[in-house]
Amino acid sequence: MKPCHYCGKPIDPDAEPCYQGVSGWEEHRRSGGGTHAITGRKPKDLWCCMVCIGKLKRGLSPGQQGL
């Protein structure tokens, strides 16, 4: 079990969908926009539950309430 980086909820990465933190290099383009691949991707021992990722995607902080 791993704790969610934001809420502390226990996560079993082998049994449920979740996100793992990574480090690496992302291409910077003057045009911005679009998803860029990460080169030299290195997994970290950081995990995040789907609820907290959903909040981040909506522009909320994981501790913030809201839709």
PDB file of N, CA and C in Angstrom:
ATOM      1  N   MET A   1       0.836  -1.187   0.000  1.00  0.00           N
ATOM      2  CA  MET A   1       0.000   0.000   0.000  1.00  0.00           C
ATOM      3  C   MET A   1       0.881   1.250   0.000  1.00  0.00           C
ATOM      4  N   LYS A   2       0.445   2.243  -0.728  1.00  0.00           N
ATOM      5  CA  LYS A   2       1.142   3.530  -0.810  1.00  0.00           C
ATOM      6  C   LYS A   2       0.133   4.618  -0.442  1.00  0.00           C
ATOM      7  N   PRO A   3       0.568   5.679   0.236  1.00  0.00           N
ATOM      8  CA  PRO A   3      -0.369   6.759   0.545  1.00  0.00           C
ATOM      9  C   PRO A   3      -0.504   7.733  -0.633  1.00  0.00           C
ATOM     10  N   CYS A   4      -1.719   8.255  -0.833  1.00  0.00           N
ATOM     11  CA  CYS A   4      -1.906   9.309  -1.828  1.00  0.00           C
ATOM     12  C   CYS A   4      -1.098  10.526  -1.379  1.00  0.00           C
ATOM     13  N   HIS A   5      -0.357  11.113  -2.295  1.00  0.00           N
ATOM     14  CA  HIS A   5       0.493  12.265  -2.005  1.00  0.00           C
ATOM     15  C   HIS A   5      -0.307  13.436  -1.446  1.00  0.00           C
ATOM     16  N   TYR A   6      -1.570  13.560  -1.835  1.00  0.00           N
ATOM     17  CA  TYR A   6      -2.383  14.700  -1.433  1.00  0.00           C
ATOM     18  C   TYR A   6      -3.301  14.424  -0.252  1.00  0.00           C
ATOM     19  N   CYS A   7      -4.066  13.335  -0.298  1.00  0.00           N
ATOM     20  CA  CYS A   7      -5.071  13.107   0.755  1.00  0.00           C
ATOM     21  C   CYS A   7      -4.659  12.047   1.766  1.00  0.00           C
ATOM     22  N   GLY A   8      -3.609  11.268   1.456  1.00  0.00           N
ATOM     23  CA  GLY A   8      -3.143  10.248   2.389  1.00  0.00           C
ATOM     24  C   GLY A   8      -3.885   8.931   2.297  1.00  0.00           C
ATOM     25  N   LYS A   9      -4.921   8.855   1.445  1.00  0.00           N
ATOM     26  CA  LYS A   9      -5.683   7.609   1.296  1.00  0.00           C
ATOM     27  C   LYS A   9      -4.741   6.480   0.877  1.00  0.00           C
ATOM     28  N   PRO A  10      -4.866   5.300   1.484  1.00  0.00           N
ATOM     29  CA  PRO A  10      -4.016   4.181   1.060  1.00  0.00           C
ATOM     30  C   PRO A  10      -4.389   3.722  -0.352  1.00  0.00           C
ATOM     31  N   ILE A  11      -3.385   3.509  -1.167  1.00  0.00           N
ATOM     32  CA  ILE A  11      -3.570   3.080  -2.561  1.00  0.00           C
ATOM     33  C   ILE A  11      -2.784   1.789  -2.768  1.00  0.00           C
ATOM     34  N   ASP A  12      -3.415   0.828  -3.426  1.00  0.00           N
ATOM     35  CA  ASP A  12      -2.701  -0.383  -3.838  1.00  0.00           C
ATOM     36  C   ASP A  12      -2.471  -0.279  -5.346  1.00  0.00           C
ATOM     37  N   PRO A  13      -1.283   0.148  -5.782  1.00  0.00           N
ATOM     38  CA  PRO A  13      -1.027   0.352  -7.211  1.00  0.00           C
ATOM     39  C   PRO A  13      -1.228  -0.898  -8.068  1.00  0.00           C
ATOM     40  N   ASP A  14      -1.153  -2.073  -7.468  1.00  0.00           N
ATOM     41  CA  ASP A  14      -1.341  -3.310  -8.235  1.00  0.00           C
ATOM     42  C   ASP A  14      -2.806  -3.694  -8.381  1.00  0.00           C
ATOM     43  N   ALA A  15      -3.704  -3.031  -7.618  1.00  0.00           N
ATOM     44  CA  ALA A  15      -5.092  -3.456  -7.605  1.00  0.00           C
ATOM     45  C   ALA A  15      -6.089  -2.371  -8.020  1.00  0.00           C
ATOM     46  N   GLU A  16      -5.665  -1.128  -8.124  1.00  0.00           N
ATOM     47  CA  GLU A  16      -6.616  -0.061  -8.464  1.00  0.00           C
ATOM     48  C   GLU A  16      -5.958   0.990  -9.340  1.00  0.00           C
ATOM     49  N   PRO A  17      -6.783   1.689 -10.129  1.00  0.00           N
ATOM     50  CA  PRO A  17      -6.217   2.757 -10.959  1.00  0.00           C
ATOM     51  C   PRO A  17      -5.689   3.894 -10.094  1.00  0.00           C
ATOM     52  N   CYS A  18      -4.536   4.412 -10.455  1.00  0.00           N
ATOM     53  CA  CYS A  18      -3.934   5.520  -9.716  1.00  0.00           C
ATOM     54  C   CYS A  18      -2.861   6.144 -10.604  1.00  0.00           C
ATOM     55  N   TYR A  19      -2.251   7.185 -10.133  1.00  0.00           N
ATOM     56  CA  TYR A  19      -1.178   7.858 -10.869  1.00  0.00           C
ATOM     57  C   TYR A  19       0.121   7.772 -10.080  1.00  0.00           C
ATOM     58  N   GLN A  20       1.224   7.614 -10.799  1.00  0.00           N
ATOM     59  CA  GLN A  20       2.544   7.598 -10.177  1.00  0.00           C
ATOM     60  C   GLN A  20       3.316   8.832 -10.635  1.00  0.00           C
ATOM     61  N   GLY A  21       3.963   9.498  -9.702  1.00  0.00           N
ATOM     62  CA  GLY A  21       4.779  10.655 -10.030  1.00  0.00           C
ATOM     63  C   GLY A  21       6.021  10.236 -10.803  1.00  0.00           C
ATOM     64  N   VAL A  22       6.439  11.092 -11.721  1.00  0.00           N
ATOM     65  CA  VAL A  22       7.649  10.847 -12.511  1.00  0.00           C
ATOM     66  C   VAL A  22       8.450  12.141 -12.606  1.00  0.00           C
ATOM     67  N   SER A  23       9.706  12.013 -12.938  1.00  0.00           N
ATOM     68  CA  SER A  23      10.521  13.185 -13.269  1.00  0.00           C
ATOM     69  C   SER A  23      11.103  12.946 -14.648  1.00  0.00           C
ATOM     70  N   GLY A  24      11.504  13.995 -15.293  1.00  0.00           N
ATOM     71  CA  GLY A  24      12.074  13.878 -16.621  1.00  0.00           C
ATOM     72  C   GLY A  24      12.128  15.244 -17.278  1.00  0.00           C
ATOM     73  N   TRP A  25      12.206  15.239 -18.583  1.00  0.00           N
ATOM     74  CA  TRP A  25      12.309  16.473 -19.348  1.00  0.00           C
ATOM     75  C   TRP A  25      11.142  16.570 -20.314  1.00  0.00           C
ATOM     76  N   GLU A  26      10.442  17.711 -20.265  1.00  0.00           N
ATOM     77  CA  GLU A  26       9.338  17.965 -21.172  1.00  0.00           C
ATOM     78  C   GLU A  26       9.739  19.067 -22.138  1.00  0.00           C
ATOM     79  N   GLU A  27       9.456  18.875 -23.419  1.00  0.00           N
ATOM     80  CA  GLU A  27       9.820  19.862 -24.422  1.00  0.00           C
ATOM     81  C   GLU A  27       9.050  21.161 -24.218  1.00  0.00           C
ATOM     82  N   HIS A  28       9.753  22.263 -24.266  1.00  0.00           N
ATOM     83  CA  HIS A  28       9.138  23.583 -24.171  1.00  0.00           C
ATOM     84  C   HIS A  28       9.034  24.150 -25.575  1.00  0.00           C
ATOM     85  N   ARG A  29       7.811  24.510 -25.962  1.00  0.00           N
ATOM     86  CA  ARG A  29       7.593  25.077 -27.295  1.00  0.00           C
ATOM     87  C   ARG A  29       7.022  26.479 -27.147  1.00  0.00           C
ATOM     88  N   ARG A  30       7.448  27.370 -28.000  1.00  0.00           N
ATOM     89  CA  ARG A  30       6.916  28.731 -27.945  1.00  0.00           C
ATOM     90  C   ARG A  30       5.424  28.751 -28.199  1.00  0.00           C
ATOM     91  N   SER A  31       4.934  27.818 -29.006  1.00  0.00           N
ATOM     92  CA  SER A  31       3.512  27.788 -29.322  1.00  0.00           C
ATOM     93  C   SER A  31       2.677  27.288 -28.144  1.00  0.00           C
ATOM     94  N   GLY A  32       3.345  26.704 -27.136  1.00  0.00           N
ATOM     95  CA  GLY A  32       2.602  26.172 -25.981  1.00  0.00           C
ATOM     96  C   GLY A  32       1.781  24.968 -26.395  1.00  0.00           C
ATOM     97  N   GLY A  33       0.525  24.936 -25.996  1.00  0.00           N
ATOM     98  CA  GLY A  33      -0.490  23.947 -26.374  1.00  0.00           C
ATOM     99  C   GLY A  33      -0.037  22.522 -26.598  1.00  0.00           C
ATOM    100  N   GLY A  34      -0.953  21.618 -26.388  1.00  0.00           N
ATOM    101  CA  GLY A  34      -0.725  20.206 -26.642  1.00  0.00           C
ATOM    102  C   GLY A  34       0.007  19.497 -25.522  1.00  0.00           C
ATOM    103  N   THR A  35      -0.094  18.184 -25.578  1.00  0.00           N
ATOM    104  CA  THR A  35       0.586  17.353 -24.602  1.00  0.00           C
ATOM    105  C   THR A  35       1.965  17.013 -25.131  1.00  0.00           C
ATOM    106  N   HIS A  36       2.959  17.136 -24.300  1.00  0.00           N
ATOM    107  CA  HIS A  36       4.330  16.855 -24.700  1.00  0.00           C
ATOM    108  C   HIS A  36       4.823  15.605 -23.977  1.00  0.00           C
ATOM    109  N   ALA A  37       5.559  14.785 -24.686  1.00  0.00           N
ATOM    110  CA  ALA A  37       6.121  13.577 -24.095  1.00  0.00           C
ATOM    111  C   ALA A  37       7.217  13.951 -23.098  1.00  0.00           C
ATOM    112  N   ILE A  38       7.416  13.094 -22.130  1.00  0.00           N
ATOM    113  CA  ILE A  38       8.488  13.288 -21.155  1.00  0.00           C
ATOM    114  C   ILE A  38       9.651  12.388 -21.547  1.00  0.00           C
ATOM    115  N   THR A  39      10.800  12.988 -21.776  1.00  0.00           N
ATOM    116  CA  THR A  39      12.012  12.260 -22.139  1.00  0.00           C
ATOM    117  C   THR A  39      12.824  11.986 -20.870  1.00  0.00           C
ATOM    118  N   GLY A  40      13.424  10.830 -20.795  1.00  0.00           N
ATOM    119  CA  GLY A  40      14.207  10.477 -19.613  1.00  0.00           C
ATOM    120  C   GLY A  40      13.321  10.258 -18.394  1.00  0.00           C
ATOM    121  N   ARG A  41      12.143   9.712 -18.644  1.00  0.00           N
ATOM    122  CA  ARG A  41      11.156   9.470 -17.578  1.00  0.00           C
ATOM    123  C   ARG A  41      11.742   8.581 -16.486  1.00  0.00           C
ATOM    124  N   LYS A  42      11.642   9.049 -15.234  1.00  0.00           N
ATOM    125  CA  LYS A  42      12.099   8.270 -14.083  1.00  0.00           C
ATOM    126  C   LYS A  42      10.975   8.209 -13.060  1.00  0.00           C
ATOM    127  N   PRO A  43      10.443   7.009 -12.793  1.00  0.00           N
ATOM    128  CA  PRO A  43       9.369   6.884 -11.809  1.00  0.00           C
ATOM    129  C   PRO A  43       9.848   7.282 -10.409  1.00  0.00           C
ATOM    130  N   LYS A  44       8.965   7.909  -9.670  1.00  0.00           N
ATOM    131  CA  LYS A  44       9.233   8.263  -8.271  1.00  0.00           C
ATOM    132  C   LYS A  44       8.300   7.443  -7.392  1.00  0.00           C
ATOM    133  N   ASP A  45       8.616   7.373  -6.131  1.00  0.00           N
ATOM    134  CA  ASP A  45       7.746   6.660  -5.195  1.00  0.00           C
ATOM    135  C   ASP A  45       6.704   7.639  -4.645  1.00  0.00           C
ATOM    136  N   LEU A  46       5.989   8.298  -5.573  1.00  0.00           N
ATOM    137  CA  LEU A  46       4.897   9.211  -5.240  1.00  0.00           C
ATOM    138  C   LEU A  46       3.650   8.710  -5.950  1.00  0.00           C
ATOM    139  N   TRP A  47       2.546   8.656  -5.227  1.00  0.00           N
ATOM    140  CA  TRP A  47       1.313   8.110  -5.764  1.00  0.00           C
ATOM    141  C   TRP A  47       0.165   9.067  -5.505  1.00  0.00           C
ATOM    142  N   CYS A  48      -0.843   9.034  -6.382  1.00  0.00           N
ATOM    143  CA  CYS A  48      -2.003   9.908  -6.233  1.00  0.00           C
ATOM    144  C   CYS A  48      -3.260   9.129  -6.606  1.00  0.00           C
ATOM    145  N   CYS A  49      -4.298   9.288  -5.806  1.00  0.00           N
ATOM    146  CA  CYS A  49      -5.557   8.596  -6.076  1.00  0.00           C
ATOM    147  C   CYS A  49      -6.322   9.301  -7.199  1.00  0.00           C
ATOM    148  N   MET A  50      -7.279   8.619  -7.782  1.00  0.00           N
ATOM    149  CA  MET A  50      -8.057   9.152  -8.897  1.00  0.00           C
ATOM    150  C   MET A  50      -8.882  10.373  -8.487  1.00  0.00           C
ATOM    151  N   VAL A  51      -9.362  10.412  -7.258  1.00  0.00           N
ATOM    152  CA  VAL A  51     -10.160  11.551  -6.789  1.00  0.00           C
ATOM    153  C   VAL A  51      -9.315  12.823  -6.793  1.00  0.00           C
ATOM    154  N   CYS A  52      -8.116  12.758  -6.250  1.00  0.00           N
ATOM    155  CA  CYS A  52      -7.247  13.932  -6.190  1.00  0.00           C
ATOM    156  C   CYS A  52      -6.792  14.357  -7.583  1.00  0.00           C
ATOM    157  N   ILE A  53      -6.494  13.402  -8.467  1.00  0.00           N
ATOM    158  CA  ILE A  53      -6.121  13.732  -9.842  1.00  0.00           C
ATOM    159  C   ILE A  53      -7.290  14.409 -10.543  1.00  0.00           C
ATOM    160  N   GLY A  54      -8.498  13.925 -10.303  1.00  0.00           N
ATOM    161  CA  GLY A  54      -9.681  14.552 -10.895  1.00  0.00           C
ATOM    162  C   GLY A  54      -9.807  16.009 -10.485  1.00  0.00           C
ATOM    163  N   LYS A  55      -9.549  16.289  -9.217  1.00  0.00           N
ATOM    164  CA  LYS A  55      -9.604  17.674  -8.740  1.00  0.00           C
ATOM    165  C   LYS A  55      -8.523  18.520  -9.411  1.00  0.00           C
ATOM    166  N   LEU A  56      -7.307  17.985  -9.522  1.00  0.00           N
ATOM    167  CA  LEU A  56      -6.221  18.719 -10.182  1.00  0.00           C
ATOM    168  C   LEU A  56      -6.578  19.032 -11.634  1.00  0.00           C
ATOM    169  N   LYS A  57      -7.194  18.078 -12.325  1.00  0.00           N
ATOM    170  CA  LYS A  57      -7.576  18.280 -13.719  1.00  0.00           C
ATOM    171  C   LYS A  57      -8.628  19.370 -13.865  1.00  0.00           C
ATOM    172  N   ARG A  58      -9.456  19.554 -12.840  1.00  0.00           N
ATOM    173  CA  ARG A  58     -10.487  20.589 -12.872  1.00  0.00           C
ATOM    174  C   ARG A  58      -9.982  21.924 -12.337  1.00  0.00           C
ATOM    175  N   GLY A  59      -8.695  21.987 -11.988  1.00  0.00           N
ATOM    176  CA  GLY A  59      -8.113  23.228 -11.524  1.00  0.00           C
ATOM    177  C   GLY A  59      -8.306  23.488 -10.044  1.00  0.00           C
ATOM    178  N   LEU A  60      -8.725  22.476  -9.299  1.00  0.00           N
ATOM    179  CA  LEU A  60      -8.907  22.607  -7.857  1.00  0.00           C
ATOM    180  C   LEU A  60      -7.700  22.035  -7.130  1.00  0.00           C
ATOM    181  N   SER A  61      -7.421  22.536  -5.944  1.00  0.00           N
ATOM    182  CA  SER A  61      -6.403  21.878  -5.145  1.00  0.00           C
ATOM    183  C   SER A  61      -7.046  20.640  -4.545  1.00  0.00           C
ATOM    184  N   PRO A  62      -6.310  19.560  -4.367  1.00  0.00           N
ATOM    185  CA  PRO A  62      -6.902  18.322  -3.874  1.00  0.00           C
ATOM    186  C   PRO A  62      -7.644  18.461  -2.541  1.00  0.00           C
ATOM    187  N   GLY A  63      -7.260  19.403  -1.686  1.00  0.00           N
ATOM    188  CA  GLY A  63      -7.955  19.588  -0.420  1.00  0.00           C
ATOM    189  C   GLY A  63      -9.212  20.438  -0.524  1.00  0.00           C
ATOM    190  N   GLN A  64      -9.450  21.010  -1.722  1.00  0.00           N
ATOM    191  CA  GLN A  64     -10.567  21.915  -1.940  1.00  0.00           C
ATOM    192  C   GLN A  64     -11.839  21.141  -2.294  1.00  0.00           C
ATOM    193  N   GLN A  65     -12.963  21.576  -1.785  1.00  0.00           N
ATOM    194  CA  GLN A  65     -14.244  20.953  -2.100  1.00  0.00           C
ATOM    195  C   GLN A  65     -14.780  21.532  -3.402  1.00  0.00           C
ATOM    196  N   GLY A  66     -15.565  20.785  -4.101  1.00  0.00           N
ATOM    197  CA  GLY A  66     -16.189  21.318  -5.316  1.00  0.00           C
ATOM    198  C   GLY A  66     -16.278  20.290  -6.416  1.00  0.00           C
ATOM    199  N   LEU A  67     -16.996  20.632  -7.454  1.00  0.00           N
ATOM    200  CA  LEU A  67     -17.163  19.745  -8.600  1.00  0.00           C
ATOM    201  C   LEU A  67     -16.099  20.062  -9.564  1.00  0.00           C
TER     202      LEU A  67
END
